[in-house]
């Protein structure tokens, strides 16, 4: 049996982050804001994953965190991917995220040995706030200017998790499969 999976860091959504997500809801149909209850940082998307290799994924995760102490990240400012003319993702930026880059690289390499495709682009630490629905080009300039340099809180990264994702019409449902502590 297989399931849709990814490896991530859970983020507790504080008041300032909730306000920003709520503000994005005001854009209506063109945007699909994330649910504050499931905010996370994806380190490695796996896609369809055979349950039988979960122990091997766990070994890759444990190897990735073996020498990594817990670290602190600040959420600061906003931006879009790929650019402001054709935004697809609205995100909050990060300070102190260099250790995430190392973790993502190690996970990509380790999962590559298990047959998962390697990432074509370098990992860019960010926290997704909303996605732009296909066919829409909302004017986000005001939102981006209002939140330039804004601090959305901070958190400590002390574990990574393999998560199962079930897509539903009302949004994804995530559950933890395994975790590895830093």
N, C-alpha and C. Protein backbone atom coordinates (compact mmCIF):
# COMPACT_ATOMS: atom_id res chain seq x y z
N UNK A 1 0.86 -1.18 0.00
CA UNK A 1 0.00 0.00 0.00
C UNK A 1 0.90 1.24 0.00
N UNK A 2 0.47 2.27 -0.71
CA UNK A 2 1.26 3.50 -0.75
C UNK A 2 0.44 4.68 -0.23
N UNK A 3 1.16 5.74 0.10
CA UNK A 3 0.50 6.97 0.56
C UNK A 3 1.31 8.15 0.05
N UNK A 4 0.67 9.31 -0.03
CA UNK A 4 1.32 10.55 -0.46
C UNK A 4 2.09 11.07 0.75
N UNK A 5 3.39 11.37 0.57
CA UNK A 5 4.23 11.69 1.72
C UNK A 5 5.17 12.85 1.45
N UNK A 6 5.59 13.48 2.55
CA UNK A 6 6.63 14.50 2.51
C UNK A 6 7.30 14.56 3.87
N UNK A 7 8.51 15.12 3.90
CA UNK A 7 9.24 15.30 5.15
C UNK A 7 9.24 16.79 5.46
N UNK A 8 8.87 17.14 6.70
CA UNK A 8 8.67 18.55 7.02
C UNK A 8 9.00 18.88 8.46
N UNK A 9 8.99 20.18 8.72
CA UNK A 9 9.08 20.74 10.07
C UNK A 9 7.75 21.40 10.35
N UNK A 10 7.09 21.02 11.44
CA UNK A 10 5.85 21.69 11.84
C UNK A 10 6.17 23.07 12.40
N UNK A 11 5.26 24.03 12.14
CA UNK A 11 5.42 25.39 12.63
C UNK A 11 4.15 25.77 13.38
N UNK A 12 4.32 26.25 14.61
CA UNK A 12 3.17 26.74 15.36
C UNK A 12 2.83 28.12 14.81
N UNK A 13 1.61 28.28 14.40
CA UNK A 13 1.16 29.52 13.77
C UNK A 13 0.77 30.54 14.84
N UNK A 14 1.61 31.56 15.04
CA UNK A 14 1.33 32.60 16.03
C UNK A 14 0.34 33.63 15.50
N UNK A 15 0.02 34.58 16.35
CA UNK A 15 -1.00 35.58 16.04
C UNK A 15 -0.68 36.40 14.79
N UNK A 16 0.56 36.87 14.65
CA UNK A 16 0.92 37.71 13.50
C UNK A 16 0.82 36.93 12.19
N UNK A 17 1.22 35.67 12.23
CA UNK A 17 1.13 34.82 11.04
C UNK A 17 -0.33 34.55 10.69
N UNK A 18 -1.15 34.29 11.70
CA UNK A 18 -2.59 34.09 11.48
C UNK A 18 -3.23 35.32 10.84
N UNK A 19 -2.83 36.51 11.30
CA UNK A 19 -3.38 37.74 10.74
C UNK A 19 -3.03 37.87 9.26
N UNK A 20 -1.79 37.55 8.90
CA UNK A 20 -1.37 37.65 7.50
C UNK A 20 -2.15 36.66 6.63
N UNK A 21 -2.33 35.44 7.12
CA UNK A 21 -3.09 34.44 6.37
C UNK A 21 -4.54 34.90 6.22
N UNK A 22 -5.10 35.46 7.27
CA UNK A 22 -6.48 35.96 7.22
C UNK A 22 -6.59 37.11 6.22
N UNK A 23 -5.61 37.97 6.20
CA UNK A 23 -5.61 39.07 5.23
C UNK A 23 -5.61 38.53 3.79
N UNK A 24 -4.87 37.46 3.57
CA UNK A 24 -4.83 36.85 2.23
C UNK A 24 -6.19 36.24 1.87
N UNK A 25 -6.94 35.78 2.86
CA UNK A 25 -8.30 35.27 2.60
C UNK A 25 -9.18 36.35 1.98
N UNK A 26 -8.88 37.62 2.31
CA UNK A 26 -9.65 38.74 1.78
C UNK A 26 -9.52 38.91 0.28
N UNK A 27 -8.54 38.25 -0.33
CA UNK A 27 -8.39 38.34 -1.78
C UNK A 27 -9.40 37.44 -2.51
N UNK A 28 -10.09 36.61 -1.74
CA UNK A 28 -11.14 35.77 -2.32
C UNK A 28 -10.63 34.63 -3.16
N UNK A 29 -11.42 34.26 -4.14
CA UNK A 29 -11.19 33.07 -4.96
C UNK A 29 -9.79 32.95 -5.59
N UNK A 30 -9.14 34.06 -6.01
CA UNK A 30 -7.82 33.88 -6.65
C UNK A 30 -6.77 33.21 -5.77
N UNK A 31 -6.95 33.28 -4.44
CA UNK A 31 -5.95 32.69 -3.54
C UNK A 31 -6.52 31.54 -2.74
N UNK A 32 -5.63 30.60 -2.43
CA UNK A 32 -5.99 29.49 -1.53
C UNK A 32 -5.00 29.56 -0.36
N UNK A 33 -5.38 30.30 0.70
CA UNK A 33 -4.49 30.40 1.87
C UNK A 33 -4.35 29.04 2.57
N UNK A 34 -3.19 28.84 3.21
CA UNK A 34 -2.99 27.62 3.98
C UNK A 34 -3.83 27.71 5.25
N UNK A 35 -4.17 26.57 5.80
CA UNK A 35 -4.86 26.54 7.09
C UNK A 35 -3.82 26.77 8.18
N UNK A 36 -4.04 27.73 9.08
CA UNK A 36 -3.07 27.98 10.15
C UNK A 36 -2.77 26.74 11.00
N UNK A 37 -3.68 25.78 11.02
CA UNK A 37 -3.51 24.58 11.84
C UNK A 37 -2.53 23.57 11.26
N UNK A 38 -2.17 23.73 9.98
CA UNK A 38 -1.28 22.74 9.35
C UNK A 38 -0.06 23.39 8.71
N UNK A 39 0.33 24.57 9.20
CA UNK A 39 1.48 25.26 8.64
C UNK A 39 2.74 24.43 8.90
N UNK A 40 3.55 24.30 7.86
CA UNK A 40 4.78 23.51 7.97
C UNK A 40 5.78 23.98 6.92
N UNK A 41 7.01 23.52 7.06
CA UNK A 41 8.05 23.77 6.07
C UNK A 41 8.39 22.43 5.44
N UNK A 42 8.13 22.29 4.16
CA UNK A 42 8.45 21.04 3.47
C UNK A 42 9.94 21.01 3.16
N UNK A 43 10.62 19.97 3.64
CA UNK A 43 12.04 19.79 3.37
C UNK A 43 12.25 18.89 2.16
N UNK A 44 11.36 17.91 1.99
CA UNK A 44 11.47 16.98 0.86
C UNK A 44 10.10 16.41 0.56
N UNK A 45 9.60 16.66 -0.67
CA UNK A 45 8.34 16.05 -1.09
C UNK A 45 8.66 14.70 -1.70
N UNK A 46 7.98 13.67 -1.24
CA UNK A 46 8.23 12.32 -1.72
C UNK A 46 7.18 11.84 -2.72
N UNK A 47 5.95 12.30 -2.57
CA UNK A 47 4.88 11.81 -3.44
C UNK A 47 4.43 10.43 -3.01
N UNK A 48 3.97 9.63 -3.96
CA UNK A 48 3.51 8.27 -3.64
C UNK A 48 4.65 7.46 -3.05
N UNK A 49 4.43 6.94 -1.85
CA UNK A 49 5.47 6.26 -1.09
C UNK A 49 4.96 4.91 -0.61
N UNK A 50 5.70 3.88 -0.91
CA UNK A 50 5.34 2.53 -0.48
C UNK A 50 5.57 2.41 1.03
N UNK A 51 4.55 1.98 1.75
CA UNK A 51 4.66 1.84 3.22
C UNK A 51 5.84 0.96 3.63
N UNK A 52 6.21 0.01 2.79
CA UNK A 52 7.27 -0.94 3.14
C UNK A 52 8.64 -0.28 3.26
N UNK A 53 8.82 0.93 2.67
CA UNK A 53 10.14 1.55 2.77
C UNK A 53 10.20 2.63 3.87
N UNK A 54 9.15 2.74 4.66
CA UNK A 54 9.16 3.72 5.76
C UNK A 54 10.38 3.53 6.67
N UNK A 55 10.78 2.30 7.02
CA UNK A 55 11.98 2.15 7.86
C UNK A 55 13.24 2.72 7.19
N UNK A 56 13.34 2.59 5.87
CA UNK A 56 14.50 3.13 5.16
C UNK A 56 14.44 4.66 5.14
N UNK A 57 13.26 5.22 5.00
CA UNK A 57 13.11 6.68 5.05
C UNK A 57 13.47 7.17 6.45
N UNK A 58 13.04 6.43 7.46
CA UNK A 58 13.38 6.80 8.84
C UNK A 58 14.89 6.82 9.03
N UNK A 59 15.60 5.84 8.47
CA UNK A 59 17.06 5.80 8.58
C UNK A 59 17.68 7.03 7.90
N UNK A 60 17.15 7.42 6.75
CA UNK A 60 17.65 8.62 6.05
C UNK A 60 17.41 9.86 6.93
N UNK A 61 16.22 9.95 7.53
CA UNK A 61 15.90 11.08 8.39
C UNK A 61 16.84 11.14 9.59
N UNK A 62 17.06 10.01 10.23
CA UNK A 62 17.93 9.97 11.42
C UNK A 62 19.36 10.34 11.05
N UNK A 63 19.81 9.90 9.88
CA UNK A 63 21.15 10.27 9.42
C UNK A 63 21.24 11.77 9.17
N UNK A 64 20.19 12.36 8.60
CA UNK A 64 20.18 13.80 8.29
C UNK A 64 20.26 14.66 9.56
N UNK A 65 19.65 14.21 10.64
CA UNK A 65 19.63 15.00 11.88
C UNK A 65 20.72 14.60 12.88
N UNK A 66 21.52 13.59 12.54
CA UNK A 66 22.47 13.01 13.49
C UNK A 66 23.38 14.05 14.13
N UNK A 67 23.90 14.99 13.37
CA UNK A 67 24.84 15.98 13.92
C UNK A 67 24.22 17.37 14.01
N UNK A 68 22.92 17.47 13.89
CA UNK A 68 22.27 18.78 13.88
C UNK A 68 21.64 19.07 15.24
N UNK A 69 22.12 20.12 15.91
CA UNK A 69 21.47 20.51 17.17
C UNK A 69 20.20 21.30 16.86
N UNK A 70 19.27 21.40 17.81
CA UNK A 70 18.09 22.24 17.59
C UNK A 70 18.54 23.67 17.27
N UNK A 71 17.74 24.37 16.47
CA UNK A 71 18.09 25.74 16.08
C UNK A 71 16.84 26.60 16.00
N UNK A 72 17.07 27.90 16.00
CA UNK A 72 15.99 28.88 16.07
C UNK A 72 15.82 29.56 14.70
N UNK A 73 14.57 29.77 14.28
CA UNK A 73 14.27 30.45 13.02
C UNK A 73 13.30 31.59 13.29
N UNK A 74 13.56 32.74 12.66
CA UNK A 74 12.64 33.87 12.71
C UNK A 74 11.91 33.98 11.38
N UNK A 75 10.62 34.25 11.42
CA UNK A 75 9.83 34.45 10.20
C UNK A 75 9.73 35.95 9.97
N UNK A 76 10.27 36.40 8.83
CA UNK A 76 10.36 37.83 8.56
C UNK A 76 10.07 38.11 7.08
N UNK A 77 9.16 39.05 6.83
CA UNK A 77 8.89 39.52 5.48
C UNK A 77 8.09 38.52 4.65
N UNK A 78 7.69 38.98 3.47
CA UNK A 78 6.94 38.14 2.55
C UNK A 78 7.51 38.27 1.14
N UNK A 79 7.15 37.33 0.31
CA UNK A 79 7.56 37.34 -1.09
C UNK A 79 6.69 36.40 -1.88
N UNK A 80 7.01 36.24 -3.16
CA UNK A 80 6.25 35.36 -4.03
C UNK A 80 7.20 34.54 -4.90
N UNK A 81 6.74 33.38 -5.30
CA UNK A 81 7.41 32.56 -6.32
C UNK A 81 6.49 32.49 -7.51
N UNK A 82 6.90 32.50 -8.73
CA UNK A 82 8.28 32.76 -9.14
C UNK A 82 8.61 34.25 -9.20
N UNK A 83 7.58 35.12 -9.44
CA UNK A 83 7.82 36.56 -9.46
C UNK A 83 6.49 37.29 -9.26
N UNK A 84 6.57 38.61 -9.03
CA UNK A 84 5.37 39.40 -8.71
C UNK A 84 4.40 39.52 -9.89
N UNK A 85 4.91 39.39 -11.12
CA UNK A 85 4.02 39.47 -12.29
C UNK A 85 3.17 38.22 -12.46
N UNK A 86 3.72 37.09 -12.08
CA UNK A 86 3.00 35.81 -12.21
C UNK A 86 3.15 34.99 -10.94
N UNK A 87 2.61 35.49 -9.82
CA UNK A 87 2.81 34.76 -8.55
C UNK A 87 2.05 33.43 -8.53
N UNK A 88 2.70 32.42 -7.97
CA UNK A 88 2.07 31.10 -7.78
C UNK A 88 1.98 30.78 -6.29
N UNK A 89 2.98 31.27 -5.52
CA UNK A 89 3.05 31.00 -4.08
C UNK A 89 3.38 32.30 -3.36
N UNK A 90 2.65 32.59 -2.28
CA UNK A 90 2.96 33.72 -1.41
C UNK A 90 3.58 33.12 -0.15
N UNK A 91 4.73 33.65 0.27
CA UNK A 91 5.46 33.04 1.38
C UNK A 91 5.96 34.07 2.39
N UNK A 92 6.27 33.55 3.59
CA UNK A 92 6.98 34.31 4.61
C UNK A 92 8.44 33.88 4.57
N UNK A 93 9.34 34.85 4.71
CA UNK A 93 10.76 34.56 4.67
C UNK A 93 11.29 34.09 6.02
N UNK A 94 12.56 33.70 6.04
CA UNK A 94 13.16 33.13 7.25
C UNK A 94 14.53 33.71 7.52
N UNK A 95 14.83 33.88 8.80
CA UNK A 95 16.17 34.24 9.25
C UNK A 95 16.70 33.07 10.08
N UNK A 96 17.97 32.74 9.87
CA UNK A 96 18.58 31.64 10.62
C UNK A 96 18.23 30.28 10.05
N UNK A 97 17.89 30.23 8.77
CA UNK A 97 17.42 28.97 8.18
C UNK A 97 18.52 28.15 7.50
N UNK A 98 19.77 28.56 7.64
CA UNK A 98 20.86 27.82 7.00
C UNK A 98 20.86 26.34 7.37
N UNK A 99 20.60 25.98 8.64
CA UNK A 99 20.54 24.55 8.97
C UNK A 99 19.44 23.80 8.21
N UNK A 100 18.34 24.49 7.86
CA UNK A 100 17.28 23.85 7.07
C UNK A 100 17.80 23.47 5.69
N UNK A 101 18.64 24.33 5.12
CA UNK A 101 19.21 24.06 3.80
C UNK A 101 20.04 22.78 3.86
N UNK A 102 20.85 22.65 4.92
CA UNK A 102 21.66 21.43 5.09
C UNK A 102 20.77 20.20 5.25
N UNK A 103 19.73 20.31 6.08
CA UNK A 103 18.82 19.18 6.28
C UNK A 103 18.15 18.78 4.97
N UNK A 104 17.65 19.76 4.23
CA UNK A 104 16.96 19.48 2.96
C UNK A 104 17.91 18.80 1.98
N UNK A 105 19.15 19.26 1.92
CA UNK A 105 20.13 18.67 1.01
C UNK A 105 20.43 17.22 1.39
N UNK A 106 20.62 16.98 2.68
CA UNK A 106 20.89 15.63 3.16
C UNK A 106 19.71 14.70 2.89
N UNK A 107 18.49 15.19 3.13
CA UNK A 107 17.30 14.39 2.86
C UNK A 107 17.14 14.10 1.38
N UNK A 108 17.42 15.09 0.53
CA UNK A 108 17.31 14.90 -0.91
C UNK A 108 18.29 13.83 -1.37
N UNK A 109 19.51 13.92 -0.88
CA UNK A 109 20.53 12.94 -1.24
C UNK A 109 20.15 11.54 -0.75
N UNK A 110 19.77 11.44 0.52
CA UNK A 110 19.42 10.14 1.09
C UNK A 110 18.19 9.52 0.44
N UNK A 111 17.18 10.33 0.19
CA UNK A 111 15.97 9.81 -0.45
C UNK A 111 16.23 9.46 -1.92
N UNK A 112 17.21 10.13 -2.52
CA UNK A 112 17.60 9.79 -3.89
C UNK A 112 18.11 8.36 -3.98
N UNK A 113 18.81 7.90 -2.94
CA UNK A 113 19.31 6.52 -2.95
C UNK A 113 18.18 5.51 -2.80
N UNK A 114 17.00 5.99 -2.36
CA UNK A 114 15.83 5.11 -2.21
C UNK A 114 14.95 5.13 -3.46
N UNK A 115 15.38 5.90 -4.48
CA UNK A 115 14.63 5.95 -5.72
C UNK A 115 13.73 7.15 -5.91
N UNK A 116 13.72 8.07 -4.94
CA UNK A 116 12.92 9.28 -5.09
C UNK A 116 13.68 10.27 -5.96
N UNK A 117 12.99 10.99 -6.85
CA UNK A 117 13.68 11.94 -7.73
C UNK A 117 14.38 13.03 -6.93
N UNK A 118 15.57 13.41 -7.39
CA UNK A 118 16.31 14.51 -6.77
C UNK A 118 15.67 15.83 -7.19
N UNK A 119 15.80 16.82 -6.33
CA UNK A 119 15.25 18.15 -6.63
C UNK A 119 16.06 18.80 -7.74
N UNK A 120 15.36 19.46 -8.66
CA UNK A 120 16.04 20.15 -9.76
C UNK A 120 16.51 21.53 -9.34
N UNK A 121 15.81 22.13 -8.38
CA UNK A 121 16.17 23.47 -7.89
C UNK A 121 16.73 23.37 -6.48
N UNK A 122 17.58 24.33 -6.14
CA UNK A 122 18.11 24.40 -4.78
C UNK A 122 16.98 24.70 -3.81
N UNK A 123 17.07 24.16 -2.61
CA UNK A 123 16.07 24.41 -1.57
C UNK A 123 16.10 25.87 -1.18
N UNK A 124 14.92 26.49 -1.15
CA UNK A 124 14.78 27.89 -0.77
C UNK A 124 13.89 27.96 0.47
N UNK A 125 14.46 28.20 1.66
CA UNK A 125 13.67 28.18 2.89
C UNK A 125 12.56 29.24 2.86
N UNK A 126 11.34 28.79 3.05
CA UNK A 126 10.19 29.68 3.08
C UNK A 126 9.03 28.97 3.75
N UNK A 127 8.05 29.75 4.15
CA UNK A 127 6.83 29.21 4.74
C UNK A 127 5.67 29.64 3.85
N UNK A 128 5.04 28.70 3.20
CA UNK A 128 3.94 29.03 2.28
C UNK A 128 2.75 29.57 3.07
N UNK A 129 2.26 30.73 2.64
CA UNK A 129 1.08 31.35 3.25
C UNK A 129 -0.16 31.11 2.40
N UNK A 130 0.01 31.10 1.07
CA UNK A 130 -1.12 30.88 0.17
C UNK A 130 -0.59 30.49 -1.20
N UNK A 131 -1.46 29.87 -1.97
CA UNK A 131 -1.16 29.54 -3.37
C UNK A 131 -2.15 30.31 -4.23
N UNK A 132 -1.70 30.67 -5.43
CA UNK A 132 -2.55 31.36 -6.38
C UNK A 132 -3.24 30.30 -7.24
N UNK A 133 -4.54 30.40 -7.34
CA UNK A 133 -5.29 29.43 -8.15
C UNK A 133 -4.97 29.63 -9.64
N UNK A 134 -4.98 28.54 -10.36
CA UNK A 134 -4.70 28.54 -11.79
C UNK A 134 -5.58 29.56 -12.51
N UNK A 135 -4.96 30.33 -13.40
CA UNK A 135 -5.71 31.28 -14.21
C UNK A 135 -5.92 32.64 -13.56
N UNK A 136 -5.42 32.85 -12.36
CA UNK A 136 -5.59 34.13 -11.66
C UNK A 136 -4.25 34.84 -11.52
N UNK A 137 -4.31 36.17 -11.53
CA UNK A 137 -3.11 36.99 -11.31
C UNK A 137 -3.48 38.13 -10.37
N UNK A 138 -3.62 37.84 -9.08
CA UNK A 138 -4.01 38.90 -8.13
C UNK A 138 -2.91 39.95 -7.98
N UNK A 139 -3.31 41.16 -7.69
CA UNK A 139 -2.37 42.24 -7.43
C UNK A 139 -1.97 42.16 -5.96
N UNK A 140 -0.80 41.66 -5.71
CA UNK A 140 -0.32 41.44 -4.34
C UNK A 140 0.68 42.50 -3.88
N UNK A 141 0.91 43.52 -4.72
CA UNK A 141 1.90 44.53 -4.41
C UNK A 141 1.66 45.18 -3.05
N UNK A 142 0.42 45.56 -2.76
CA UNK A 142 0.11 46.19 -1.47
C UNK A 142 0.42 45.27 -0.30
N UNK A 143 0.01 43.99 -0.41
CA UNK A 143 0.28 43.03 0.65
C UNK A 143 1.78 42.88 0.88
N UNK A 144 2.54 42.74 -0.22
CA UNK A 144 3.98 42.55 -0.11
C UNK A 144 4.66 43.78 0.51
N UNK A 145 4.23 44.97 0.10
CA UNK A 145 4.80 46.20 0.66
C UNK A 145 4.46 46.35 2.14
N UNK A 146 3.21 46.05 2.50
CA UNK A 146 2.78 46.17 3.90
C UNK A 146 3.53 45.21 4.83
N UNK A 147 3.99 44.08 4.29
CA UNK A 147 4.61 43.05 5.12
C UNK A 147 6.11 42.92 4.90
N UNK A 148 6.68 43.86 4.14
CA UNK A 148 8.12 43.84 3.91
C UNK A 148 8.83 44.06 5.25
N UNK A 149 9.65 43.13 5.65
CA UNK A 149 10.38 43.24 6.90
C UNK A 149 9.56 42.97 8.15
N UNK A 150 8.27 42.66 8.00
CA UNK A 150 7.41 42.38 9.16
C UNK A 150 7.85 41.09 9.85
N UNK A 151 7.85 41.11 11.17
CA UNK A 151 8.22 39.92 11.94
C UNK A 151 6.95 39.15 12.29
N UNK A 152 6.95 37.87 11.94
CA UNK A 152 5.79 37.00 12.16
C UNK A 152 6.00 36.03 13.31
N UNK A 153 7.06 36.21 14.07
CA UNK A 153 7.33 35.32 15.18
C UNK A 153 8.53 34.44 14.91
N UNK A 154 8.79 33.53 15.82
CA UNK A 154 9.94 32.63 15.68
C UNK A 154 9.60 31.29 16.33
N UNK A 155 10.44 30.32 16.06
CA UNK A 155 10.22 28.98 16.61
C UNK A 155 11.54 28.22 16.61
N UNK A 156 11.56 27.14 17.36
CA UNK A 156 12.74 26.28 17.42
C UNK A 156 12.47 25.02 16.62
N UNK A 157 13.43 24.66 15.78
CA UNK A 157 13.36 23.40 15.03
C UNK A 157 14.09 22.36 15.87
N UNK A 158 13.33 21.36 16.34
CA UNK A 158 13.96 20.32 17.15
C UNK A 158 13.61 18.91 16.66
N UNK A 159 12.86 18.85 15.54
CA UNK A 159 12.53 17.53 14.96
C UNK A 159 12.02 17.71 13.54
N UNK A 160 12.16 16.65 12.76
CA UNK A 160 11.57 16.60 11.43
C UNK A 160 10.60 15.43 11.41
N UNK A 161 9.61 15.50 10.52
CA UNK A 161 8.59 14.46 10.50
C UNK A 161 8.29 13.98 9.09
N UNK A 162 8.09 12.68 8.96
CA UNK A 162 7.53 12.12 7.74
C UNK A 162 6.03 12.23 7.89
N UNK A 163 5.39 12.88 6.93
CA UNK A 163 3.96 13.13 7.03
C UNK A 163 3.21 12.46 5.88
N UNK A 164 2.04 11.98 6.22
CA UNK A 164 1.12 11.43 5.23
C UNK A 164 0.15 12.55 4.87
N UNK A 165 -0.14 12.69 3.59
CA UNK A 165 -1.04 13.73 3.11
C UNK A 165 -2.20 13.10 2.37
N UNK A 166 -3.41 13.40 2.82
CA UNK A 166 -4.62 12.95 2.13
C UNK A 166 -5.31 14.20 1.60
N UNK A 167 -5.45 14.28 0.29
CA UNK A 167 -6.09 15.44 -0.33
C UNK A 167 -7.60 15.27 -0.32
N UNK A 168 -8.31 16.29 0.17
CA UNK A 168 -9.77 16.27 0.21
C UNK A 168 -10.28 17.57 -0.41
N UNK A 169 -11.56 17.62 -0.80
CA UNK A 169 -12.12 18.86 -1.36
C UNK A 169 -12.01 20.06 -0.40
N UNK A 170 -12.02 19.80 0.89
CA UNK A 170 -11.94 20.91 1.86
C UNK A 170 -10.51 21.22 2.28
N UNK A 171 -9.54 20.58 1.66
CA UNK A 171 -8.13 20.84 1.96
C UNK A 171 -7.42 19.57 2.40
N UNK A 172 -6.09 19.61 2.44
CA UNK A 172 -5.33 18.42 2.81
C UNK A 172 -5.46 18.08 4.29
N UNK A 173 -5.35 16.79 4.58
CA UNK A 173 -5.31 16.31 5.95
C UNK A 173 -3.95 15.63 6.12
N UNK A 174 -3.18 16.11 7.11
CA UNK A 174 -1.85 15.58 7.35
C UNK A 174 -1.84 14.77 8.64
N UNK A 175 -1.06 13.70 8.62
CA UNK A 175 -0.84 12.94 9.85
C UNK A 175 0.65 12.57 9.91
N UNK A 176 1.16 12.47 11.14
CA UNK A 176 2.56 12.12 11.33
C UNK A 176 2.73 10.61 11.22
N UNK A 177 3.76 10.20 10.49
CA UNK A 177 4.08 8.79 10.34
C UNK A 177 5.23 8.44 11.28
N UNK A 178 6.32 9.18 11.17
CA UNK A 178 7.47 9.01 12.06
C UNK A 178 8.12 10.38 12.27
N UNK A 179 8.97 10.47 13.27
CA UNK A 179 9.72 11.71 13.47
C UNK A 179 11.14 11.38 13.90
N UNK A 180 12.03 12.33 13.65
CA UNK A 180 13.41 12.20 14.07
C UNK A 180 13.81 13.49 14.79
N UNK A 181 14.26 13.35 16.02
CA UNK A 181 14.62 14.52 16.83
C UNK A 181 16.04 14.97 16.54
N UNK A 182 16.25 16.28 16.55
CA UNK A 182 17.58 16.84 16.38
C UNK A 182 18.32 16.73 17.70
